Amino acid sequence: MTNQHSTCGMEHTMYKKSSFSGRLLALLALCAVATAGYAAAKPAAKPAAESAKAGAETELHTLHVQGNIWMIVGAGGNVAVQVGDEGVLVVDTGLQQNATKLLAAIREIAGDRKVIRYVINTHMHPDHTGGNEVIRKAGETIMGGNVGRDDIRGQQGATVFANENVELHMIEPDAQGKSVPQPLWPTETIAADLYDIYFNGEAVKMYHPHNAHTDGDLIVYFPKSDVVVTGDIYINTVYPIIDLAHGGSINGLLTALNDIIDITVPADKQEGGTMIIPGHGRLADEADIVEVRDMATIIRDRIQDMVSKGKTLEQVKASKPTLDYDGRYGATSGFWTTDKFVEAVYRSLTQAKKNGG
């Protein structure tokens, strides 16, 4: 089984061997970079000068996963890039301040002559959508007829796909009364639970799980390359993130993790096979996501038992339902702590109980 307790402080070197174990060793070196990128995704407000400086110091790293798929770490959330004869498809676009560096990394992978045709957002959070404008404007939508050079928003560029709830959340004002600027919105929203396109010689399937990490998640699967991109439904840096304010739930998250496991197929001795690009953290395979699924299910069941007995949130926290997993996934500081995870699970389950679920 993949060792998820390995140290991440290795010096990064370019690794070009094709074996899974070799790719995994290379990715372990990037683990710290990905974790830092996640921690920076939703910090407390910082002065503009400080944010610009942080963006300027960001270093991006790329790794060929398999088939047509590459992974870029360090832009915010992990970014997936599919490259082929028809052009480039990008899944997620990192933080806004890292967009120019991300574009340079994409061009280094694909070459200057490959045009960015499609962008897919796995959900709405700014560490996955912040580069939408820059990446979209660098590309060009495939259109034909007398609208071949038109864009319905008056802004020529690549097509940006997302679930319809992503745009709805971007439009709605936040606590300060501000909405996400329109150039960061998707250009094409998806209402169906399954949407697919054919690009670069392979199918690209987009699955919409209901009320998982958020209510606007997409799981992106490249069958020919045998790679799944999960967004923040699956991460391997901290406990699973459940965004209750935007429709997330623990039971929906577990259903989505099980759906991903149904898609994946391991190779010999449960290593390799279908590769998984998480929202944050290192490259993974089925054994890794099974470990997270099992952990989250066990903790959900522990808290569910206490909820059924009428325990308060304070009593649940005092019981330390995550104790045996804290050494691997726990955090006491940063955006997503162990306490926040326990509270999110508790509130998700109590809400489900009120609704008769």
Protein backbone atom coordinates (compact mmCIF):
# COMPACT_ATOMS: atom_id res chain seq x y z
CA MET A 1 0.00 0.00 0.00
CA THR A 2 1.17 3.53 -0.68
CA ASN A 3 3.00 5.03 2.31
CA GLN A 4 1.10 8.19 3.20
CA HIS A 5 3.38 8.90 6.15
CA SER A 6 6.49 9.56 4.08
CA THR A 7 8.51 12.69 4.73
CA CYS A 8 7.90 15.50 2.25
CA GLY A 9 11.17 17.37 2.73
CA MET A 10 13.06 15.86 -0.21
CA GLU A 11 14.96 17.96 -2.69
CA HIS A 12 12.95 18.14 -5.92
CA THR A 13 14.64 16.81 -9.02
CA MET A 14 13.28 16.29 -12.51
CA TYR A 15 12.17 12.68 -12.71
CA LYS A 16 11.50 11.12 -16.10
CA LYS A 17 11.10 7.39 -15.36
CA SER A 18 7.76 5.85 -16.23
CA SER A 19 7.25 3.59 -13.18
CA PHE A 20 4.59 4.55 -10.65
CA SER A 21 7.01 4.28 -7.72
CA GLY A 22 9.36 6.70 -9.43
CA ARG A 23 6.58 9.20 -10.12
CA LEU A 24 5.44 8.87 -6.51
CA LEU A 25 8.91 9.62 -5.17
CA ALA A 26 9.06 12.71 -7.33
CA LEU A 27 5.65 13.84 -6.09
CA LEU A 28 6.56 13.39 -2.44
CA ALA A 29 9.04 16.20 -2.92
CA LEU A 30 6.18 18.41 -4.06
CA CYS A 31 3.94 17.57 -1.10
CA ALA A 32 5.14 20.50 0.98
CA VAL A 33 4.59 22.87 -1.94
CA ALA A 34 1.03 21.68 -2.45
CA THR A 35 0.25 21.91 1.27
CA ALA A 36 1.59 25.46 1.38
CA GLY A 37 -0.49 26.34 -1.66
CA TYR A 38 -3.62 25.09 0.07
CA ALA A 39 -2.89 26.97 3.26
CA ALA A 40 -2.66 30.14 1.19
CA ALA A 41 -5.96 29.54 -0.56
CA LYS A 42 -8.27 31.19 1.97
CA PRO A 43 -6.20 33.18 4.47
CA ALA A 44 -7.27 36.16 6.47
CA ALA A 45 -7.19 39.36 4.43
CA LYS A 46 -3.64 40.55 3.70
CA PRO A 47 -2.35 43.87 2.41
CA ALA A 48 -2.13 43.95 -1.39
CA ALA A 49 1.64 44.41 -1.32
CA GLU A 50 2.09 41.35 0.89
CA SER A 51 -0.15 39.22 -1.33
CA ALA A 52 1.75 40.34 -4.44
CA LYS A 53 5.03 39.47 -2.79
CA ALA A 54 3.75 36.02 -1.83
CA GLY A 55 2.63 35.42 -5.42
CA ALA A 56 6.01 36.53 -6.75
CA GLU A 57 7.79 33.96 -4.54
CA THR A 58 5.61 31.03 -5.57
CA GLU A 59 7.43 28.23 -7.38
CA LEU A 60 5.44 25.89 -9.62
CA HIS A 61 6.40 22.29 -10.34
CA THR A 62 5.19 20.01 -13.13
CA LEU A 63 4.95 16.24 -13.38
CA HIS A 64 3.89 13.98 -16.24
CA VAL A 65 1.22 11.72 -14.74
CA GLN A 66 0.49 9.31 -17.61
CA GLY A 67 -1.06 9.38 -21.06
CA ASN A 68 -1.88 12.94 -22.12
CA ILE A 69 -2.07 14.31 -18.56
CA TRP A 70 0.31 16.53 -16.60
CA MET A 71 0.00 17.86 -13.05
CA ILE A 72 1.11 21.34 -11.91
CA VAL A 73 1.66 21.94 -8.20
CA GLY A 74 2.08 25.28 -6.43
CA ALA A 75 -0.41 27.56 -8.20
CA GLY A 76 -2.95 27.17 -5.38
CA GLY A 77 -5.01 24.02 -5.87
CA ASN A 78 -3.45 21.34 -8.04
CA VAL A 79 -3.87 21.91 -11.78
CA ALA A 80 -4.26 19.19 -14.43
CA VAL A 81 -3.29 19.75 -18.06
CA GLN A 82 -4.26 17.55 -21.01
CA VAL A 83 -2.15 18.07 -24.14
CA GLY A 84 -2.68 16.64 -27.61
CA ASP A 85 -2.95 17.41 -31.32
CA GLU A 86 -6.13 19.46 -30.87
CA GLY A 87 -4.68 21.72 -28.20
CA VAL A 88 -4.76 22.08 -24.42
CA LEU A 89 -7.40 21.43 -21.76
CA VAL A 90 -6.81 22.77 -18.24
CA VAL A 91 -8.57 21.59 -15.08
CA ASP A 92 -8.59 24.37 -12.45
CA THR A 93 -6.51 27.53 -12.60
CA GLY A 94 -5.03 28.18 -9.14
CA LEU A 95 -4.89 31.47 -7.29
CA GLN A 96 -5.24 34.73 -9.18
CA GLN A 97 -1.79 36.01 -8.22
CA ASN A 98 -0.18 32.88 -9.69
CA ALA A 99 -2.03 32.93 -13.03
CA THR A 100 0.84 34.33 -15.12
CA LYS A 101 3.26 31.72 -13.77
CA LEU A 102 0.67 29.02 -14.34
CA LEU A 103 0.26 30.09 -17.95
CA ALA A 104 4.04 29.93 -18.43
CA ALA A 105 4.09 26.43 -16.90
CA ILE A 106 1.28 25.29 -19.23
CA ARG A 107 3.15 26.66 -22.25
CA GLU A 108 6.33 24.94 -21.13
CA ILE A 109 4.47 21.62 -21.08
CA ALA A 110 2.46 22.11 -24.26
CA GLY A 111 4.62 24.41 -26.35
CA ASP A 112 3.69 27.86 -27.62
CA ARG A 113 1.88 26.50 -30.69
CA LYS A 114 -0.67 24.49 -28.69
CA VAL A 115 -3.79 26.58 -28.09
CA ILE A 116 -5.74 26.38 -24.82
CA ARG A 117 -9.24 25.34 -25.90
CA TYR A 118 -10.98 24.32 -22.68
CA VAL A 119 -10.84 25.06 -18.96
CA ILE A 120 -12.81 23.02 -16.40
CA ASN A 121 -13.43 24.28 -12.85
CA THR A 122 -13.94 21.49 -10.31
CA HIS A 123 -15.67 23.94 -7.93
CA MET A 124 -15.94 27.63 -7.06
CA HIS A 125 -13.16 28.31 -4.54
CA PRO A 126 -10.60 30.99 -5.52
CA ASP A 127 -7.59 28.67 -5.22
CA HIS A 128 -9.10 26.72 -8.12
CA THR A 129 -10.70 29.51 -10.18
CA GLY A 130 -8.50 32.55 -9.56
CA GLY A 131 -6.58 32.16 -12.82
CA ASN A 132 -9.69 31.77 -14.99
CA GLU A 133 -9.40 35.14 -16.69
CA VAL A 134 -5.71 34.88 -17.58
CA ILE A 135 -5.87 31.27 -18.76
CA ARG A 136 -9.12 31.82 -20.69
CA LYS A 137 -7.88 34.92 -22.50
CA ALA A 138 -4.71 33.06 -23.53
CA GLY A 139 -6.84 30.49 -25.34
CA GLU A 140 -9.42 30.31 -28.09
CA THR A 141 -12.78 28.58 -28.24
CA ILE A 142 -13.44 26.11 -31.03
CA MET A 143 -16.43 27.54 -32.90
CA GLY A 144 -17.62 27.45 -36.49
CA GLY A 145 -19.85 29.18 -39.01
CA ASN A 146 -20.51 32.89 -38.87
CA VAL A 147 -19.84 32.94 -35.10
CA GLY A 148 -16.37 31.44 -35.42
CA ARG A 149 -14.66 34.42 -33.82
CA ASP A 150 -17.44 35.53 -31.49
CA ASP A 151 -17.81 35.12 -27.76
CA ILE A 152 -21.19 35.61 -26.11
CA ARG A 153 -19.57 37.61 -23.32
CA GLY A 154 -17.59 39.80 -25.66
CA GLN A 155 -14.33 38.37 -24.39
CA GLN A 156 -12.57 36.02 -26.80
CA GLY A 157 -10.89 33.05 -25.21
CA ALA A 158 -11.17 29.41 -24.21
CA THR A 159 -14.42 27.83 -23.05
CA VAL A 160 -14.62 27.58 -19.24
CA PHE A 161 -16.86 24.74 -18.02
CA ALA A 162 -18.31 24.48 -14.52
CA ASN A 163 -21.40 23.20 -12.79
CA GLU A 164 -24.16 25.81 -12.79
CA ASN A 165 -23.93 26.24 -8.99
CA VAL A 166 -20.38 27.56 -9.40
CA GLU A 167 -21.62 30.60 -11.31
CA LEU A 168 -24.59 31.06 -8.97
CA HIS A 169 -22.23 31.25 -5.98
CA MET A 170 -19.86 33.59 -7.81
CA ILE A 171 -22.72 35.97 -8.60
CA GLU A 172 -24.11 36.11 -5.07
CA PRO A 173 -22.51 38.79 -2.84
CA ASP A 174 -20.33 37.82 0.09
CA ALA A 175 -20.46 39.24 3.63
CA GLN A 176 -18.90 42.48 2.34
CA GLY A 177 -21.47 42.75 -0.45
CA LYS A 178 -18.94 41.87 -3.18
CA SER A 179 -19.35 39.29 -5.93
CA VAL A 180 -16.65 37.48 -7.88
CA PRO A 181 -15.70 39.64 -10.91
CA GLN A 182 -17.37 38.46 -14.11
CA PRO A 183 -14.10 37.69 -15.98
CA LEU A 184 -13.57 34.83 -13.49
CA TRP A 185 -16.96 33.24 -14.12
CA PRO A 186 -17.36 30.12 -16.26
CA THR A 187 -18.47 30.76 -19.83
CA GLU A 188 -20.50 27.54 -20.07
CA THR A 189 -22.38 26.01 -17.13
CA ILE A 190 -23.47 22.40 -16.79
CA ALA A 191 -26.77 21.35 -15.20
CA ALA A 192 -26.53 17.60 -15.94
CA ASP A 193 -24.99 15.04 -13.59
CA LEU A 194 -22.82 13.76 -16.46
CA TYR A 195 -21.38 15.86 -19.26
CA ASP A 196 -18.70 14.78 -21.70
CA ILE A 197 -16.65 16.01 -24.62
CA TYR A 198 -14.10 14.31 -26.90
CA PHE A 199 -10.77 16.08 -27.11
CA ASN A 200 -7.22 15.13 -28.01
CA GLY A 201 -8.24 11.60 -28.95
CA GLU A 202 -9.97 10.69 -25.71
CA ALA A 203 -13.22 11.12 -23.87
CA VAL A 204 -13.37 13.72 -21.10
CA LYS A 205 -16.14 12.89 -18.63
CA MET A 206 -17.41 15.38 -16.05
CA TYR A 207 -19.42 13.92 -13.15
CA HIS A 208 -21.42 16.11 -10.78
CA PRO A 209 -21.82 14.58 -7.30
CA HIS A 210 -24.55 16.20 -5.22
CA ASN A 211 -23.65 18.15 -2.07
CA ALA A 212 -20.15 16.73 -1.60
CA HIS A 213 -17.33 19.20 -0.89
CA THR A 214 -19.73 21.86 -2.23
CA ASP A 215 -22.94 21.67 -4.28
CA GLY A 216 -21.03 22.57 -7.47
CA ASP A 217 -18.30 19.94 -7.65
CA LEU A 218 -17.14 18.21 -10.81
CA ILE A 219 -15.07 15.02 -10.98
CA VAL A 220 -13.11 14.95 -14.27
CA TYR A 221 -12.13 11.58 -15.74
CA PHE A 222 -9.82 10.92 -18.69
CA PRO A 223 -10.47 7.21 -19.51
CA LYS A 224 -7.76 6.75 -22.16
CA SER A 225 -5.06 8.37 -20.02
CA ASP A 226 -6.67 6.68 -16.97
CA VAL A 227 -6.50 9.76 -14.74
CA VAL A 228 -9.14 11.20 -12.41
CA VAL A 229 -9.07 14.84 -11.25
CA THR A 230 -11.09 15.24 -8.05
CA GLY A 231 -10.87 18.87 -7.01
CA ASP A 232 -11.30 19.22 -3.25
CA ILE A 233 -13.60 16.21 -2.95
CA TYR A 234 -10.38 14.35 -2.30
CA ILE A 235 -7.29 15.86 -0.70
CA ASN A 236 -4.51 14.11 1.20
CA THR A 237 -3.00 16.94 3.24
CA VAL A 238 -5.61 17.48 6.00
CA TYR A 239 -9.06 16.19 6.93
CA PRO A 240 -11.70 16.40 4.15
CA ILE A 241 -13.10 19.88 3.60
CA ILE A 242 -16.87 20.26 3.85
CA ASP A 243 -18.08 23.71 2.78
CA LEU A 244 -21.49 23.80 4.48
CA ALA A 245 -22.15 27.38 3.39
CA HIS A 246 -22.00 26.30 -0.25
CA GLY A 247 -23.96 23.07 -0.05
CA GLY A 248 -21.34 20.60 1.16
CA SER A 249 -22.19 17.60 3.37
CA ILE A 250 -20.33 14.66 4.91
CA ASN A 251 -22.67 12.05 3.44
CA GLY A 252 -22.48 13.61 -0.03
CA LEU A 253 -18.69 13.72 0.25
CA LEU A 254 -18.53 10.03 1.15
CA THR A 255 -20.82 9.16 -1.75
CA ALA A 256 -18.51 11.08 -4.09
CA LEU A 257 -15.40 9.34 -2.72
CA ASN A 258 -17.09 5.98 -3.30
CA ASP A 259 -17.96 7.06 -6.85
CA ILE A 260 -14.31 7.88 -7.50
CA ILE A 261 -13.27 4.48 -6.11
CA ASP A 262 -15.76 2.86 -8.50
CA ILE A 263 -14.03 4.61 -11.41
CA THR A 264 -10.48 3.73 -10.42
CA VAL A 265 -8.76 0.40 -11.07
CA PRO A 266 -5.49 -0.47 -9.31
CA ALA A 267 -2.55 -2.21 -10.93
CA ASP A 268 -0.59 -5.11 -9.49
CA LYS A 269 -0.58 -5.34 -5.67
CA GLN A 270 -2.96 -2.35 -5.48
CA GLU A 271 -0.30 0.15 -6.62
CA GLY A 272 -0.57 2.43 -9.64
CA GLY A 273 -3.25 1.83 -12.25
CA THR A 274 -5.71 4.70 -12.42
CA MET A 275 -3.97 7.83 -11.12
CA ILE A 276 -5.75 10.46 -9.05
CA ILE A 277 -4.88 14.17 -9.01
CA PRO A 278 -6.28 15.53 -5.72
CA GLY A 279 -7.32 19.10 -5.06
CA HIS A 280 -4.31 19.44 -2.75
CA GLY A 281 -1.44 17.10 -1.97
CA ARG A 282 0.53 14.46 -3.83
CA LEU A 283 -0.42 12.27 -6.75
CA ALA A 284 -2.45 9.27 -5.58
CA ASP A 285 -3.94 5.95 -6.61
CA GLU A 286 -6.96 3.91 -5.48
CA ALA A 287 -5.32 2.67 -2.27
CA ASP A 288 -4.80 6.26 -1.14
CA ILE A 289 -8.38 7.35 -1.70
CA VAL A 290 -9.69 4.18 -0.03
CA GLU A 291 -7.70 5.12 3.07
CA VAL A 292 -9.28 8.59 3.16
CA ARG A 293 -12.76 7.16 2.48
CA ASP A 294 -12.39 4.66 5.32
CA MET A 295 -11.08 7.31 7.73
CA ALA A 296 -13.91 9.72 6.93
CA THR A 297 -16.53 6.97 7.19
CA ILE A 298 -15.29 5.83 10.60
CA ILE A 299 -15.28 9.38 11.97
CA ARG A 300 -18.71 10.06 10.44
CA ASP A 301 -20.10 6.95 12.15
CA ARG A 302 -18.61 7.91 15.51
CA ILE A 303 -20.12 11.39 15.36
CA GLN A 304 -23.41 10.03 13.99
CA ASP A 305 -23.72 7.78 17.04
CA MET A 306 -23.24 10.75 19.36
CA VAL A 307 -25.71 12.87 17.37
CA SER A 308 -28.32 10.11 17.69
CA LYS A 309 -27.78 10.20 21.46
CA GLY A 310 -28.35 13.97 21.59
CA LYS A 311 -24.75 14.98 22.34
CA THR A 312 -23.83 18.65 21.88
CA LEU A 313 -21.04 19.85 19.62
CA GLU A 314 -18.89 20.61 22.66
CA GLN A 315 -19.41 17.08 23.97
CA VAL A 316 -18.53 15.61 20.58
CA LYS A 317 -15.33 17.65 20.38
CA ALA A 318 -14.41 16.67 23.95
CA SER A 319 -14.70 12.98 23.01
CA LYS A 320 -11.96 13.45 20.36
CA PRO A 321 -13.55 11.32 17.62
CA THR A 322 -10.54 11.92 15.31
CA LEU A 323 -7.78 11.15 17.82
CA ASP A 324 -6.35 8.05 16.12
CA TYR A 325 -6.10 9.90 12.79
CA ASP A 326 -4.83 13.27 14.02
CA GLY A 327 -1.19 12.33 13.55
CA ARG A 328 -1.79 11.98 9.80
CA TYR A 329 -4.55 14.48 8.99
CA GLY A 330 -4.89 16.75 12.03
CA ALA A 331 -4.18 20.48 12.11
CA THR A 332 -4.50 23.05 14.89
CA SER A 333 -3.84 26.11 12.71
CA GLY A 334 -4.41 27.24 9.16
CA PHE A 335 -7.58 27.45 7.13
CA TRP A 336 -8.90 23.95 7.87
CA THR A 337 -8.33 22.57 11.37
CA THR A 338 -9.40 19.36 13.05
CA ASP A 339 -11.97 21.27 15.12
CA LYS A 340 -13.50 22.76 11.95
CA PHE A 341 -13.74 19.32 10.37
CA VAL A 342 -15.48 17.84 13.43
CA GLU A 343 -17.86 20.81 13.58
CA ALA A 344 -18.67 20.51 9.87
CA VAL A 345 -19.42 16.79 10.20
CA TYR A 346 -21.56 17.40 13.30
CA ARG A 347 -23.57 20.22 11.74
CA SER A 348 -23.99 18.27 8.50
CA LEU A 349 -25.39 15.27 10.39
CA THR A 350 -27.65 17.30 12.68
CA GLN A 351 -29.06 19.12 9.67
CA ALA A 352 -29.67 15.80 7.94
CA LYS A 353 -31.43 14.55 11.09
CA LYS A 354 -33.72 17.59 11.12
CA ASN A 355 -34.55 16.98 7.46
CA GLY A 356 -35.36 13.36 8.17
CA GLY A 357 -32.22 12.05 6.46
